[in-house]
C-alpha atoms as a PDB file:
ATOM      1  CA  MET A   1      -0.010  -0.006   0.002  1.00  0.00           C
ATOM      2  CA  ARG A   2       1.348   3.376  -1.027  1.00  0.00           C
ATOM      3  CA  VAL A   3       0.415   6.189   1.378  1.00  0.00           C
ATOM      4  CA  ALA A   4       0.785   9.961   1.177  1.00  0.00           C
ATOM      5  CA  ILE A   5       1.172  11.712   4.507  1.00  0.00           C
ATOM      6  CA  THR A   6       0.345  15.397   4.982  1.00  0.00           C
ATOM      7  CA  GLY A   7       2.182  16.883   7.953  1.00  0.00           C
ATOM      8  CA  GLY A   8       4.692  14.096   7.569  1.00  0.00           C
ATOM      9  CA  THR A   9       7.399  15.929   9.466  1.00  0.00           C
ATOM     10  CA  GLY A  10       5.116  16.707  12.404  1.00  0.00           C
ATOM     11  CA  PHE A  11       4.907  14.708  15.614  1.00  0.00           C
ATOM     12  CA  VAL A  12       2.409  12.021  14.612  1.00  0.00           C
ATOM     13  CA  GLY A  13       3.099  12.122  10.880  1.00  0.00           C
ATOM     14  CA  ARG A  14       6.787  11.492  11.480  1.00  0.00           C
ATOM     15  CA  HIS A  15       6.074   8.430  13.603  1.00  0.00           C
ATOM     16  CA  LEU A  16       3.611   7.113  11.009  1.00  0.00           C
ATOM     17  CA  ALA A  17       6.199   7.548   8.225  1.00  0.00           C
ATOM     18  CA  GLU A  18       8.765   5.607  10.281  1.00  0.00           C
ATOM     19  CA  ARG A  19       6.225   2.798  10.831  1.00  0.00           C
ATOM     20  CA  LEU A  20       5.216   2.527   7.196  1.00  0.00           C
ATOM     21  CA  GLY A  21       8.808   2.210   6.084  1.00  0.00           C
ATOM     22  CA  ALA A  22      10.903   2.961   3.029  1.00  0.00           C
ATOM     23  CA  ALA A  23      10.706   6.238   1.088  1.00  0.00           C
ATOM     24  CA  ASP A  24       9.514   4.431  -2.076  1.00  0.00           C
ATOM     25  CA  THR A  25       6.297   3.376  -0.312  1.00  0.00           C
ATOM     26  CA  VAL A  26       5.545   6.598   1.613  1.00  0.00           C
ATOM     27  CA  VAL A  27       5.223  10.153   0.317  1.00  0.00           C
ATOM     28  CA  VAL A  28       5.904  12.670   3.074  1.00  0.00           C
ATOM     29  CA  LEU A  29       4.623  16.128   2.291  1.00  0.00           C
ATOM     30  CA  ARG A  30       6.417  19.251   3.607  1.00  0.00           C
ATOM     31  CA  ARG A  31       9.657  17.286   3.544  1.00  0.00           C
ATOM     32  CA  THR A  32       9.308  17.491  -0.250  1.00  0.00           C
ATOM     33  CA  GLY A  33       8.327  21.175  -0.117  1.00  0.00           C
ATOM     34  CA  VAL A  34       4.664  20.687  -1.114  1.00  0.00           C
ATOM     35  CA  ALA A  35       2.388  23.402   0.248  1.00  0.00           C
ATOM     36  CA  ILE A  36      -0.777  22.191   1.944  1.00  0.00           C
ATOM     37  CA  ASP A  37      -3.047  24.330  -0.292  1.00  0.00           C
ATOM     38  CA  ASP A  38      -1.345  23.669  -3.656  1.00  0.00           C
ATOM     39  CA  VAL A  39      -3.790  21.342  -5.408  1.00  0.00           C
ATOM     40  CA  GLU A  40      -1.608  20.708  -8.453  1.00  0.00           C
ATOM     41  CA  ALA A  41       1.455  19.808  -6.363  1.00  0.00           C
ATOM     42  CA  LEU A  42      -0.653  17.685  -3.995  1.00  0.00           C
ATOM     43  CA  ALA A  43      -2.226  15.771  -6.886  1.00  0.00           C
ATOM     44  CA  GLU A  44       1.240  15.068  -8.294  1.00  0.00           C
ATOM     45  CA  ALA A  45       2.424  13.887  -4.894  1.00  0.00           C
ATOM     46  CA  PHE A  46      -0.665  11.683  -4.446  1.00  0.00           C
ATOM     47  CA  ALA A  47      -0.239  10.017  -7.854  1.00  0.00           C
ATOM     48  CA  GLY A  48      -0.096   6.260  -7.435  1.00  0.00           C
ATOM     49  CA  CYS A  49      -1.126   6.386  -3.794  1.00  0.00           C
ATOM     50  CA  ASP A  50      -3.838   4.157  -2.414  1.00  0.00           C
ATOM     51  CA  ALA A  51      -4.555   6.320   0.600  1.00  0.00           C
ATOM     52  CA  VAL A  52      -3.797   9.707   2.201  1.00  0.00           C
ATOM     53  CA  ALA A  53      -3.106  10.123   5.907  1.00  0.00           C
ATOM     54  CA  HIS A  54      -4.098  13.726   6.508  1.00  0.00           C
ATOM     55  CA  CYS A  55      -2.114  14.612   9.634  1.00  0.00           C
ATOM     56  CA  ALA A  56      -1.334  18.252   8.852  1.00  0.00           C
ATOM     57  CA  GLY A  57      -2.409  20.769  11.480  1.00  0.00           C
ATOM     58  CA  ILE A  58      -1.272  23.636  13.697  1.00  0.00           C
ATOM     59  CA  ASN A  59      -2.075  24.511  17.315  1.00  0.00           C
ATOM     60  CA  ARG A  60      -1.329  28.217  16.954  1.00  0.00           C
ATOM     61  CA  GLU A  61      -1.460  30.760  14.171  1.00  0.00           C
ATOM     62  CA  ILE A  62       1.723  32.379  12.831  1.00  0.00           C
ATOM     63  CA  GLY A  63       1.474  34.921  10.009  1.00  0.00           C
ATOM     64  CA  ASP A  64      -0.431  33.488   7.059  1.00  0.00           C
ATOM     65  CA  GLN A  65      -0.430  30.037   8.614  1.00  0.00           C
ATOM     66  CA  THR A  66      -3.873  30.497  10.138  1.00  0.00           C
ATOM     67  CA  PHE A  67      -6.271  27.812  11.362  1.00  0.00           C
ATOM     68  CA  ASP A  68      -8.565  28.518   8.426  1.00  0.00           C
ATOM     69  CA  HIS A  69      -5.682  28.359   5.901  1.00  0.00           C
ATOM     70  CA  VAL A  70      -4.145  25.132   7.191  1.00  0.00           C
ATOM     71  CA  HIS A  71      -7.123  23.216   8.481  1.00  0.00           C
ATOM     72  CA  VAL A  72      -9.921  24.272   6.114  1.00  0.00           C
ATOM     73  CA  GLU A  73      -8.297  25.411   2.869  1.00  0.00           C
ATOM     74  CA  GLY A  74      -5.605  22.809   3.250  1.00  0.00           C
ATOM     75  CA  THR A  75      -8.168  20.027   3.649  1.00  0.00           C
ATOM     76  CA  ARG A  76     -10.183  21.346   0.726  1.00  0.00           C
ATOM     77  CA  ALA A  77      -7.020  21.107  -1.420  1.00  0.00           C
ATOM     78  CA  VAL A  78      -6.246  17.604  -0.116  1.00  0.00           C
ATOM     79  CA  VAL A  79      -9.725  16.394  -1.036  1.00  0.00           C
ATOM     80  CA  GLU A  80      -9.554  17.844  -4.550  1.00  0.00           C
ATOM     81  CA  ALA A  81      -6.022  16.506  -5.106  1.00  0.00           C
ATOM     82  CA  ALA A  82      -7.124  13.074  -3.885  1.00  0.00           C
ATOM     83  CA  ARG A  83     -10.005  13.083  -6.391  1.00  0.00           C
ATOM     84  CA  ARG A  84      -7.663  13.997  -9.253  1.00  0.00           C
ATOM     85  CA  ALA A  85      -5.111  11.364  -8.272  1.00  0.00           C
ATOM     86  CA  GLY A  86      -7.739   8.648  -7.849  1.00  0.00           C
ATOM     87  CA  VAL A  87      -6.936   8.069  -4.170  1.00  0.00           C
ATOM     88  CA  LYS A  88      -9.352   5.521  -2.728  1.00  0.00           C
ATOM     89  CA  ARG A  89      -9.256   6.450   0.995  1.00  0.00           C
ATOM     90  CA  ILE A  90      -8.502   9.449   3.221  1.00  0.00           C
ATOM     91  CA  VAL A  91      -7.757   9.122   6.911  1.00  0.00           C
ATOM     92  CA  MET A  92      -7.920  12.397   8.809  1.00  0.00           C
ATOM     93  CA  LEU A  93      -6.352  12.951  12.226  1.00  0.00           C
ATOM     94  CA  SER A  94      -8.664  15.411  14.004  1.00  0.00           C
ATOM     95  CA  PHE A  95      -9.184  16.457  17.593  1.00  0.00           C
ATOM     96  CA  LEU A  96     -11.462  14.733  20.084  1.00  0.00           C
ATOM     97  CA  ARG A  97     -13.531  17.845  20.855  1.00  0.00           C
ATOM     98  CA  ALA A  98     -13.504  19.534  17.457  1.00  0.00           C
ATOM     99  CA  ARG A  99     -16.987  20.997  16.966  1.00  0.00           C
ATOM    100  CA  PRO A 100     -18.777  24.025  15.461  1.00  0.00           C
ATOM    101  CA  ASP A 101     -19.866  27.242  17.162  1.00  0.00           C
ATOM    102  CA  CYS A 102     -17.795  26.847  20.320  1.00  0.00           C
ATOM    103  CA  GLY A 103     -15.766  30.077  20.174  1.00  0.00           C
ATOM    104  CA  SER A 104     -12.408  28.445  19.449  1.00  0.00           C
ATOM    105  CA  GLY A 105     -10.826  28.879  16.019  1.00  0.00           C
ATOM    106  CA  TYR A 106      -8.845  25.653  16.413  1.00  0.00           C
ATOM    107  CA  HIS A 107     -11.850  23.543  17.309  1.00  0.00           C
ATOM    108  CA  GLU A 108     -14.162  25.065  14.702  1.00  0.00           C
ATOM    109  CA  THR A 109     -11.715  24.779  11.775  1.00  0.00           C
ATOM    110  CA  LYS A 110     -10.883  21.180  12.668  1.00  0.00           C
ATOM    111  CA  TRP A 111     -14.649  20.485  12.583  1.00  0.00           C
ATOM    112  CA  ALA A 112     -14.975  22.260   9.244  1.00  0.00           C
ATOM    113  CA  ALA A 113     -12.167  20.108   7.909  1.00  0.00           C
ATOM    114  CA  GLU A 114     -13.961  16.983   9.175  1.00  0.00           C
ATOM    115  CA  GLU A 115     -17.109  18.077   7.312  1.00  0.00           C
ATOM    116  CA  LEU A 116     -15.127  18.497   4.072  1.00  0.00           C
ATOM    117  CA  ILE A 117     -13.899  14.936   4.390  1.00  0.00           C
ATOM    118  CA  ARG A 118     -17.382  13.617   5.246  1.00  0.00           C
ATOM    119  CA  HIS A 119     -18.859  15.199   2.121  1.00  0.00           C
ATOM    120  CA  SER A 120     -15.940  14.401  -0.186  1.00  0.00           C
ATOM    121  CA  GLY A 121     -17.455  11.291  -1.716  1.00  0.00           C
ATOM    122  CA  ILE A 122     -14.201   9.472  -0.955  1.00  0.00           C
ATOM    123  CA  GLU A 123     -14.042   6.535   1.451  1.00  0.00           C
ATOM    124  CA  HIS A 124     -12.715   7.887   4.714  1.00  0.00           C
ATOM    125  CA  THR A 125     -12.061   7.554   8.414  1.00  0.00           C
ATOM    126  CA  ILE A 126     -11.973  10.548  10.765  1.00  0.00           C
ATOM    127  CA  LEU A 127     -10.018   9.938  13.933  1.00  0.00           C
ATOM    128  CA  LYS A 128     -11.160  12.317  16.680  1.00  0.00           C
ATOM    129  CA  SER A 129      -8.089  11.934  18.845  1.00  0.00           C
ATOM    130  CA  GLY A 130      -7.279  12.979  22.391  1.00  0.00           C
ATOM    131  CA  MET A 131      -3.855  13.931  23.683  1.00  0.00           C
ATOM    132  CA  ILE A 132      -1.064  11.880  22.079  1.00  0.00           C
ATOM    133  CA  TYR A 133       2.261  11.661  23.819  1.00  0.00           C
ATOM    134  CA  GLY A 134       5.726  10.336  23.081  1.00  0.00           C
ATOM    135  CA  PRO A 135       9.205  11.585  22.163  1.00  0.00           C
ATOM    136  CA  GLY A 136       8.867  15.043  20.656  1.00  0.00           C
ATOM    137  CA  ASP A 137       5.300  15.697  21.856  1.00  0.00           C
ATOM    138  CA  HIS A 138       3.790  18.837  23.438  1.00  0.00           C
ATOM    139  CA  MET A 139       2.483  17.163  26.555  1.00  0.00           C
ATOM    140  CA  VAL A 140       5.256  15.328  28.397  1.00  0.00           C
ATOM    141  CA  ASP A 141       7.879  17.609  26.809  1.00  0.00           C
ATOM    142  CA  HIS A 142       6.389  20.905  28.010  1.00  0.00           C
ATOM    143  CA  VAL A 143       5.391  19.669  31.455  1.00  0.00           C
ATOM    144  CA  THR A 144       8.853  18.199  32.040  1.00  0.00           C
ATOM    145  CA  ARG A 145      10.725  21.310  30.959  1.00  0.00           C
ATOM    146  CA  ALA A 146       8.330  23.512  32.927  1.00  0.00           C
ATOM    147  CA  VAL A 147       8.844  21.632  36.245  1.00  0.00           C
ATOM    148  CA  ARG A 148      12.600  21.674  35.671  1.00  0.00           C
ATOM    149  CA  THR A 149      12.503  25.427  35.168  1.00  0.00           C
ATOM    150  CA  PHE A 150       9.963  26.799  37.608  1.00  0.00           C
ATOM    151  CA  PRO A 151       9.438  25.971  41.323  1.00  0.00           C
ATOM    152  CA  VAL A 152       5.667  26.543  40.942  1.00  0.00           C
ATOM    153  CA  PHE A 153       3.304  24.804  38.534  1.00  0.00           C
ATOM    154  CA  ALA A 154      -0.183  26.169  37.847  1.00  0.00           C
ATOM    155  CA  THR A 155      -2.911  23.597  37.446  1.00  0.00           C
ATOM    156  CA  VAL A 156      -5.912  24.538  35.320  1.00  0.00           C
ATOM    157  CA  GLY A 157      -9.176  25.508  37.050  1.00  0.00           C
ATOM    158  CA  TYR A 158     -10.700  24.824  40.456  1.00  0.00           C
ATOM    159  CA  ARG A 159     -12.522  21.756  39.190  1.00  0.00           C
ATOM    160  CA  GLU A 160     -10.370  18.867  38.018  1.00  0.00           C
ATOM    161  CA  ARG A 161     -10.651  17.939  34.351  1.00  0.00           C
ATOM    162  CA  THR A 162      -9.603  14.574  33.051  1.00  0.00           C
ATOM    163  CA  VAL A 163      -7.484  13.263  30.181  1.00  0.00           C
ATOM    164  CA  ARG A 164      -6.908   9.920  28.529  1.00  0.00           C
ATOM    165  CA  PRO A 165      -3.354  10.078  27.143  1.00  0.00           C
ATOM    166  CA  ILE A 166      -2.536   7.968  24.071  1.00  0.00           C
ATOM    167  CA  PRO A 167       1.012   6.670  23.429  1.00  0.00           C
ATOM    168  CA  VAL A 168       2.092   7.719  19.934  1.00  0.00           C
ATOM    169  CA  GLU A 169       2.844   4.063  19.081  1.00  0.00           C
ATOM    170  CA  GLU A 170      -0.810   3.176  19.657  1.00  0.00           C
ATOM    171  CA  ALA A 171      -1.996   6.268  17.795  1.00  0.00           C
ATOM    172  CA  VAL A 172       0.045   5.065  14.810  1.00  0.00           C
ATOM    173  CA  ASP A 173      -1.468   1.586  15.165  1.00  0.00           C
ATOM    174  CA  VAL A 174      -4.882   3.207  14.839  1.00  0.00           C
ATOM    175  CA  LEU A 175      -3.841   5.211  11.806  1.00  0.00           C
ATOM    176  CA  VAL A 176      -2.524   2.104  10.085  1.00  0.00           C
ATOM    177  CA  ALA A 177      -5.765   0.222  10.868  1.00  0.00           C
ATOM    178  CA  ALA A 178      -7.768   3.097   9.381  1.00  0.00           C
ATOM    179  CA  LEU A 179      -5.590   3.218   6.257  1.00  0.00           C
ATOM    180  CA  GLU A 180      -6.135  -0.493   5.800  1.00  0.00           C
ATOM    181  CA  GLY A 181      -9.902  -0.088   6.154  1.00  0.00           C
ATOM    182  CA  ARG A 182     -10.154  -2.077   9.379  1.00  0.00           C
ATOM    183  CA  ILE A 183     -12.221   0.521  11.267  1.00  0.00           C
ATOM    184  CA  PRO A 184     -15.933   0.157  10.377  1.00  0.00           C
ATOM    185  CA  ASP A 185     -17.190   3.570  11.562  1.00  0.00           C
ATOM    186  CA  PRO A 186     -16.410   6.641   9.422  1.00  0.00           C
ATOM    187  CA  THR A 187     -15.836   8.769  12.542  1.00  0.00           C
ATOM    188  CA  VAL A 188     -14.391   7.400  15.757  1.00  0.00           C
ATOM    189  CA  ALA A 189     -13.107   8.719  19.086  1.00  0.00           C
ATOM    190  CA  VAL A 190      -9.503   7.766  19.862  1.00  0.00           C
ATOM    191  CA  MET A 191      -8.629   7.836  23.552  1.00  0.00           C
ATOM    192  CA  GLY A 192      -6.107   6.182  25.815  1.00  0.00           C
ATOM    193  CA  ALA A 193      -6.858   3.254  28.119  1.00  0.00           C
ATOM    194  CA  GLU A 194      -6.399   5.193  31.368  1.00  0.00           C
ATOM    195  CA  GLU A 195      -8.493   8.206  32.440  1.00  0.00           C
ATOM    196  CA  LEU A 196      -6.903  10.417  35.066  1.00  0.00           C
ATOM    197  CA  GLU A 197      -7.200  13.931  36.379  1.00  0.00           C
ATOM    198  CA  LEU A 198      -4.958  16.443  34.673  1.00  0.00           C
ATOM    199  CA  GLY A 199      -3.301  17.274  37.980  1.00  0.00           C
ATOM    200  CA  ALA A 200      -2.515  13.611  38.520  1.00  0.00           C
ATOM    201  CA  ALA A 201      -1.018  13.367  35.036  1.00  0.00           C
ATOM    202  CA  VAL A 202       1.214  16.392  35.696  1.00  0.00           C
ATOM    203  CA  ARG A 203       2.318  14.979  39.063  1.00  0.00           C
ATOM    204  CA  ARG A 204       3.163  11.671  37.450  1.00  0.00           C
ATOM    205  CA  ILE A 205       5.288  13.375  34.774  1.00  0.00           C
ATOM    206  CA  ALA A 206       7.015  15.591  37.380  1.00  0.00           C
ATOM    207  CA  GLY A 207       7.753  12.575  39.576  1.00  0.00           C
ATOM    208  CA  VAL A 208       9.409  10.731  36.680  1.00  0.00           C
ATOM    209  CA  ALA A 209      11.403  13.915  35.908  1.00  0.00           C
ATOM    210  CA  GLY A 210      12.552  13.990  39.558  1.00  0.00           C
ATOM    211  CA  ARG A 211      10.791  17.258  40.452  1.00  0.00           C
ATOM    212  CA  ARG A 212       8.283  18.283  43.131  1.00  0.00           C
ATOM    213  CA  PRO A 213       7.085  21.789  42.364  1.00  0.00           C
ATOM    214  CA  LEU A 214       4.499  23.674  44.374  1.00  0.00           C
ATOM    215  CA  TYR A 215       1.136  23.107  42.663  1.00  0.00           C
ATOM    216  CA  VAL A 216      -1.242  26.071  42.619  1.00  0.00           C
ATOM    217  CA  ARG A 217      -4.766  25.959  41.219  1.00  0.00           C
ATOM    218  CA  VAL A 218      -5.538  28.984  39.032  1.00  0.00           C
ATOM    219  CA  PRO A 219      -8.681  29.968  37.095  1.00  0.00           C
ATOM    220  CA  VAL A 220      -8.988  28.919  33.484  1.00  0.00           C
ATOM    221  CA  TRP A 221      -8.910  32.522  32.278  1.00  0.00           C
ATOM    222  CA  SER A 222      -5.423  33.011  33.757  1.00  0.00           C
ATOM    223  CA  ILE A 223      -4.110  30.057  31.737  1.00  0.00           C
ATOM    224  CA  ARG A 224      -5.561  31.686  28.637  1.00  0.00           C
ATOM    225  CA  VAL A 225      -3.739  34.879  29.491  1.00  0.00           C
ATOM    226  CA  LEU A 226      -0.528  32.881  30.010  1.00  0.00           C
ATOM    227  CA  ALA A 227      -1.072  31.214  26.651  1.00  0.00           C
ATOM    228  CA  GLN A 228      -1.404  34.552  24.856  1.00  0.00           C
ATOM    229  CA  LEU A 229       1.774  35.849  26.535  1.00  0.00           C
ATOM    230  CA  THR A 230       3.808  32.749  25.721  1.00  0.00           C
ATOM    231  CA  GLU A 231       2.586  32.716  22.124  1.00  0.00           C
ATOM    232  CA  TRP A 232       3.911  36.259  21.811  1.00  0.00           C
ATOM    233  CA  ALA A 233       7.150  35.630  23.645  1.00  0.00           C
ATOM    234  CA  MET A 234       8.270  32.050  22.918  1.00  0.00           C
ATOM    235  CA  VAL A 235       9.335  30.217  19.775  1.00  0.00           C
ATOM    236  CA  VAL A 236       7.278  27.232  20.924  1.00  0.00           C
ATOM    237  CA  PRO A 237       4.893  28.473  23.564  1.00  0.00           C
ATOM    238  CA  LEU A 238       4.705  26.896  27.001  1.00  0.00           C
ATOM    239  CA  VAL A 239       1.000  26.582  26.280  1.00  0.00           C
ATOM    240  CA  ALA A 240      -0.864  27.732  23.165  1.00  0.00           C
ATOM    241  CA  LYS A 241      -4.318  29.348  23.325  1.00  0.00           C
ATOM    242  CA  ALA A 242      -5.884  26.303  21.693  1.00  0.00           C
ATOM    243  CA  GLN A 243      -4.206  24.063  24.273  1.00  0.00           C
ATOM    244  CA  ALA A 244      -5.455  26.251  27.108  1.00  0.00           C
ATOM    245  CA  ARG A 245      -8.986  25.720  25.793  1.00  0.00           C
ATOM    246  CA  MET A 246      -8.384  21.961  25.678  1.00  0.00           C
ATOM    247  CA  LEU A 247      -7.074  21.894  29.239  1.00  0.00           C
ATOM    248  CA  GLY A 248      -9.977  23.955  30.449  1.00  0.00           C
ATOM    249  CA  GLU A 249     -12.455  21.455  29.029  1.00  0.00           C
ATOM    250  CA  GLY A 250     -10.636  18.237  29.714  1.00  0.00           C
ATOM    251  CA  VAL A 251      -9.769  15.736  27.002  1.00  0.00           C
ATOM    252  CA  SER A 252     -11.593  12.519  27.812  1.00  0.00           C
ATOM    253  CA  GLU A 253     -14.944  12.752  25.980  1.00  0.00           C
ATOM    254  CA  ALA A 254     -15.681  13.277  22.304  1.00  0.00           C
ATOM    255  CA  ALA A 255     -17.747  16.320  21.314  1.00  0.00           C
ATOM    256  CA  PRO A 256     -19.987  15.688  19.539  1.00  0.00           C
ATOM    257  CA  TRP A 257     -20.255  12.079  20.564  1.00  0.00           C
ATOM    258  CA  ALA A 258     -18.493   9.504  18.424  1.00  0.00           C
ATOM    259  CA  PRO A 259     -18.120   5.761  18.916  1.00  0.00           C
ATOM    260  CA  GLU A 260     -14.894   4.408  20.374  1.00  0.00           C
ATOM    261  CA  LEU A 261     -12.630   2.085  18.451  1.00  0.00           C
ATOM    262  CA  PRO A 262     -13.417  -1.615  18.283  1.00  0.00           C
ATOM    263  CA  ASP A 263     -11.642  -4.085  20.514  1.00  0.00           C
ATOM    264  CA  GLY A 264      -8.259  -5.102  19.125  1.00  0.00           C
ATOM    265  CA  ILE A 265      -7.654  -1.624  17.726  1.00  0.00           C
ATOM    266  CA  ARG A 266      -8.537   0.473  20.788  1.00  0.00           C
ATOM    267  CA  PRO A 267      -5.457   1.714  22.718  1.00  0.00           C
ATOM    268  CA  ALA A 268      -4.714  -0.502  25.702  1.00  0.00           C
ATOM    269  CA  GLN A 269      -1.528   0.932  27.265  1.00  0.00           C
ATOM    270  CA  ARG A 270      -1.715   2.867  30.534  1.00  0.00           C
ATOM    271  CA  PHE A 271       0.067   6.144  31.227  1.00  0.00           C
ATOM    272  CA  THR A 272       2.942   4.431  33.016  1.00  0.00           C
ATOM    273  CA  GLU A 273       6.188   5.775  34.404  1.00  0.00           C
ATOM    274  CA  ALA A 274       8.126   3.690  31.886  1.00  0.00           C
ATOM    275  CA  ARG A 275       6.262   5.249  28.964  1.00  0.00           C
ATOM    276  CA  ILE A 276       6.646   8.718  30.413  1.00  0.00           C
ATOM    277  CA  ARG A 277      10.390   8.169  30.904  1.00  0.00           C
ATOM    278  CA  ALA A 278      10.748   7.164  27.250  1.00  0.00           C
ATOM    279  CA  ALA A 279       9.211  10.485  26.268  1.00  0.00           C
ATOM    280  CA  LEU A 280      11.189  12.753  28.608  1.00  0.00           C
ATOM    281  CA  PRO A 281      13.114  15.541  26.830  1.00  0.00           C
ATOM    282  CA  GLU A 282      16.510  16.905  27.731  1.00  0.00           C
ATOM    283  CA  GLY A 283      16.978  20.245  29.440  1.00  0.00           C
ATOM    284  CA  ARG A 284      14.595  22.975  30.526  1.00  0.00           C
ATOM    285  CA  PHE A 285      13.171  26.247  29.236  1.00  0.00           C
ATOM    286  CA  GLY A 286      15.788  28.958  28.780  1.00  0.00           C
ATOM    287  CA  TRP A 287      16.817  32.102  26.923  1.00  0.00           C
ATOM    288  CA  SER A 288      17.000  30.293  23.580  1.00  0.00           C
ATOM    289  CA  ASP A 289      13.276  29.494  23.776  1.00  0.00           C
ATOM    290  CA  LEU A 290      12.378  33.169  23.530  1.00  0.00           C
ATOM    291  CA  ARG A 291      11.600  34.859  20.209  1.00  0.00           C
ATOM    292  CA  ILE A 292      13.838  37.821  21.066  1.00  0.00           C
ATOM    293  CA  ALA A 293      16.775  35.459  21.571  1.00  0.00           C
ATOM    294  CA  ARG A 294      16.239  33.929  18.136  1.00  0.00           C
ATOM    295  CA  ALA A 295      15.970  37.380  16.594  1.00  0.00           C
ATOM    296  CA  ILE A 296      19.196  38.526  18.221  1.00  0.00           C
ATOM    297  CA  ALA A 297      20.981  35.322  17.172  1.00  0.00           C
ATOM    298  CA  ARG A 298      19.815  35.811  13.533  1.00  0.00           C
ATOM    299  CA  ARG A 299      20.934  39.433  13.569  1.00  0.00           C
ATOM    300  CA  SER A 300      24.351  38.492  15.024  1.00  0.00           C
ATOM    301  CA  ASP A 301      24.765  35.721  12.445  1.00  0.00           C
ATOM    302  CA  SER A 302      23.851  38.113   9.636  1.00  0.00           C
ATOM    303  CA  THR A 303      26.359  40.664  10.915  1.00  0.00           C
ATOM    304  CA  ALA A 304      29.097  38.060  11.211  1.00  0.00           C
ATOM    305  CA  LYS A 305      28.567  36.936   7.579  1.00  0.00           C
ATOM    306  CA  ARG A 306      28.538  40.519   6.179  1.00  0.00           C
ATOM    307  CA  PRO A 307      31.639  40.936   3.943  1.00  0.00           C
ATOM    308  CA  VAL A 308      34.324  43.300   5.200  1.00  0.00           C
ATOM    309  CA  ARG A 309      35.304  45.997   2.706  1.00  0.00           C
ATOM    310  CA  PRO A 310      39.054  46.482   2.115  1.00  0.00           C
ATOM    311  CA  ALA A 311      40.579  49.465   3.755  1.00  0.00           C
ATOM    312  CA  ALA A 312      41.147  51.164   0.369  1.00  0.00           C
ATOM    313  CA  GLU A 313      37.406  51.221  -0.198  1.00  0.00           C
ATOM    314  CA  LEU A 314      36.583  52.815   3.222  1.00  0.00           C
END
């Protein structure tokens, strides 16, 4: 089976590409410089493919890379390119609580993308996935570096929300099953085997990282303010605005409702210390994580490379 992967250099797409194998059986978009909204280039990339794994997505907007551009227009282009290339199946990786009219650009555009797939006329599976973790993720990575950096950790809201973390290996298993047509429902909820409170998940990660910060409950609105500030200030924000919304709601129930995966495909691994340890990053947050540091470094590099004029020309 030949598969094209959009977002193939992202967290989940990269792991899927590694699972599927050699470069002659997998087309990884972005790595080949194909823009997500370029129908002609996408159709050329999809040529000869049996299926498309549509994993492209963003959790924050930067310049012209908006939620609408990437999620909606990108998906529209993927669908049209798949039609032109004769692709038989599209598998879309969406978000567990993607839905319309909820006040979140991320959630609403993910839902709009789902609807484009549903009405494409192409055989499809939409995977409404919860939080996926593993090496290079945004969950274990950011919590670990935060507790290594700060003595205080803010937990979201005065009422505990829950999460069902999914190991990236099992998320990839689900994607492969969907690509092979082994999931009967066109839309399914993908959640981990263990449901736990967000605070408990954070404490478990911190414990594996060897840290015991002071935990302070703060209102959801303050996490949204923090998200806005870190989106402005950091290269990769400590928490994005879309993620703040996710944390404020919890990530353990599909919205709208969708059936869970069938037995044998449903994730079965718990959020264990061993799995957390395998996902732990190196280091902590520092100066290099700030946008201003990157800007200064680029300016310094540009200055260093500027040719020096001979004295006779001065």
